[in-house]
Protein backbone atom coordinates (compact mmCIF):
# COMPACT_ATOMS: atom_id res chain seq x y z
CA UNK A 1 3.94 -35.13 -0.59
CA UNK A 2 3.27 -32.25 1.83
CA UNK A 3 2.83 -31.80 5.56
CA UNK A 4 -0.48 -32.33 7.30
CA UNK A 5 -0.81 -30.34 10.53
CA UNK A 6 -3.49 -31.49 12.97
CA UNK A 7 -4.38 -29.45 16.04
CA UNK A 8 -5.23 -30.64 19.55
CA UNK A 9 -8.35 -32.67 20.36
CA UNK A 10 -9.25 -33.44 16.73
CA UNK A 11 -11.58 -36.39 16.07
CA UNK A 12 -11.63 -38.20 12.73
CA UNK A 13 -14.29 -40.73 11.76
CA UNK A 14 -13.64 -43.87 9.72
CA UNK A 15 -12.32 -43.44 6.18
CA UNK A 16 -11.28 -39.82 6.64
CA UNK A 17 -8.91 -38.85 3.81
CA UNK A 18 -6.38 -36.02 4.10
CA UNK A 19 -5.10 -35.75 0.54
CA UNK A 20 -2.10 -33.52 -0.27
CA UNK A 21 -0.87 -34.72 -3.72
CA UNK A 22 -1.67 -32.88 -6.95
CA UNK A 23 -0.98 -33.75 -10.59
CA UNK A 24 -0.97 -31.56 -13.71
CA UNK A 25 -4.23 -31.19 -15.62
CA UNK A 26 -2.63 -31.48 -19.07
CA UNK A 27 -2.10 -35.14 -20.05
CA UNK A 28 1.31 -34.54 -21.65
CA UNK A 29 2.51 -33.28 -18.26
CA UNK A 30 0.53 -35.74 -16.14
CA UNK A 31 1.37 -39.02 -17.90
CA UNK A 32 4.48 -40.98 -17.02
CA UNK A 33 7.30 -40.48 -19.50
CA UNK A 34 10.93 -41.38 -20.06
CA UNK A 35 13.33 -38.93 -18.42
CA UNK A 36 16.78 -37.94 -19.76
CA UNK A 37 18.38 -40.27 -17.18
CA UNK A 38 16.42 -43.26 -18.55
CA UNK A 39 13.96 -43.45 -15.65
CA UNK A 40 10.20 -43.32 -16.09
CA UNK A 41 8.53 -40.63 -13.97
CA UNK A 42 5.52 -38.40 -13.73
CA UNK A 43 5.03 -34.98 -12.15
CA UNK A 44 3.55 -34.90 -8.68
CA UNK A 45 3.42 -31.89 -6.41
CA UNK A 46 1.25 -30.99 -3.46
CA UNK A 47 -0.20 -28.50 -1.05
CA UNK A 48 -0.28 -28.79 2.76
CA UNK A 49 -3.38 -29.33 4.88
CA UNK A 50 -3.94 -27.66 8.26
CA UNK A 51 -6.66 -28.64 10.73
CA UNK A 52 -7.26 -26.46 13.78
CA UNK A 53 -7.96 -27.46 17.38
CA UNK A 54 -11.18 -29.14 18.57
CA UNK A 55 -12.41 -30.21 15.14
CA UNK A 56 -14.54 -33.24 14.31
CA UNK A 57 -14.27 -34.73 10.83
CA UNK A 58 -17.05 -37.32 10.53
CA UNK A 59 -16.99 -40.55 8.52
CA UNK A 60 -15.86 -40.50 4.89
CA UNK A 61 -14.72 -36.87 4.91
CA UNK A 62 -12.16 -35.91 2.26
CA UNK A 63 -9.96 -32.85 2.77
CA UNK A 64 -8.34 -31.71 -0.49
CA UNK A 65 -4.83 -30.28 -1.00
CA UNK A 66 -4.11 -26.80 0.31
CA UNK A 67 -7.13 -26.59 2.63
CA UNK A 68 -7.03 -25.01 6.09
CA UNK A 69 -9.83 -25.89 8.51
CA UNK A 70 -10.20 -23.44 11.40
CA UNK A 71 -10.66 -24.20 15.09
CA UNK A 72 -13.84 -25.78 16.51
CA UNK A 73 -15.25 -26.93 13.16
CA UNK A 74 -17.49 -29.91 12.42
CA UNK A 75 -17.28 -31.47 8.96
CA UNK A 76 -20.34 -33.63 8.24
CA UNK A 77 -20.15 -37.22 7.01
CA UNK A 78 -19.23 -37.62 3.35
CA UNK A 79 -18.25 -33.98 2.86
CA UNK A 80 -15.47 -33.05 0.45
CA UNK A 81 -13.65 -29.95 1.69
CA UNK A 82 -12.16 -28.04 -1.25
CA UNK A 83 -11.77 -24.54 0.27
CA UNK A 84 -10.58 -23.02 3.53
CA UNK A 85 -13.08 -23.15 6.40
CA UNK A 86 -13.32 -20.40 9.05
CA UNK A 87 -13.39 -21.11 12.80
CA UNK A 88 -16.60 -22.44 14.40
CA UNK A 89 -18.17 -23.64 11.15
CA UNK A 90 -20.51 -26.52 10.38
CA UNK A 91 -19.66 -27.85 6.90
CA UNK A 92 -21.85 -30.22 4.90
CA UNK A 93 -22.01 -31.54 1.35
CA UNK A 94 -20.06 -32.13 -1.82
CA UNK A 95 -18.40 -29.78 -2.26
CA UNK A 96 -18.36 -28.91 1.43
CA UNK A 97 -20.10 -25.64 2.23
CA UNK A 98 -20.38 -23.72 5.48
CA UNK A 99 -24.05 -24.03 6.39
CA UNK A 100 -23.80 -22.05 9.62
CA UNK A 101 -21.67 -21.06 12.57
CA UNK A 102 -21.51 -23.31 15.63
CA UNK A 103 -22.65 -21.31 18.68
CA UNK A 104 -23.66 -21.81 22.32
CA UNK A 105 -27.18 -22.55 21.05
CA UNK A 106 -25.75 -25.93 19.98
CA UNK A 107 -24.95 -26.84 23.60
CA UNK A 108 -26.71 -29.94 24.88
CA UNK A 109 -28.31 -28.59 28.09
CA UNK A 110 -29.17 -32.03 29.50
CA UNK A 111 -25.70 -33.50 28.94
CA UNK A 112 -23.60 -33.66 32.13
CA UNK A 113 -20.31 -31.82 31.61
């Protein structure tokens, strides 16, 4: 329905969903109906998704239509991202909320780089 833009070095866990379609809230607009040309159709529109560089979307993350995720973000398992996320954010929960910034204090000192 809409473009999904994914930056460099992005990791996505299993069952990650990047969902761009939207449908009207009112049932008379949402339900399929007969068009003037004789075809049955419903209204579907969408909003693009953008994911910055160096992000990690863990298992079962859902990114909703129109969301932009900044660079260097981590989205925790099972989170549902409904709003834009600034750079360097750790996001957890349903709905996804920024719980803190990711900083150099998160560096694993004993890990060989």
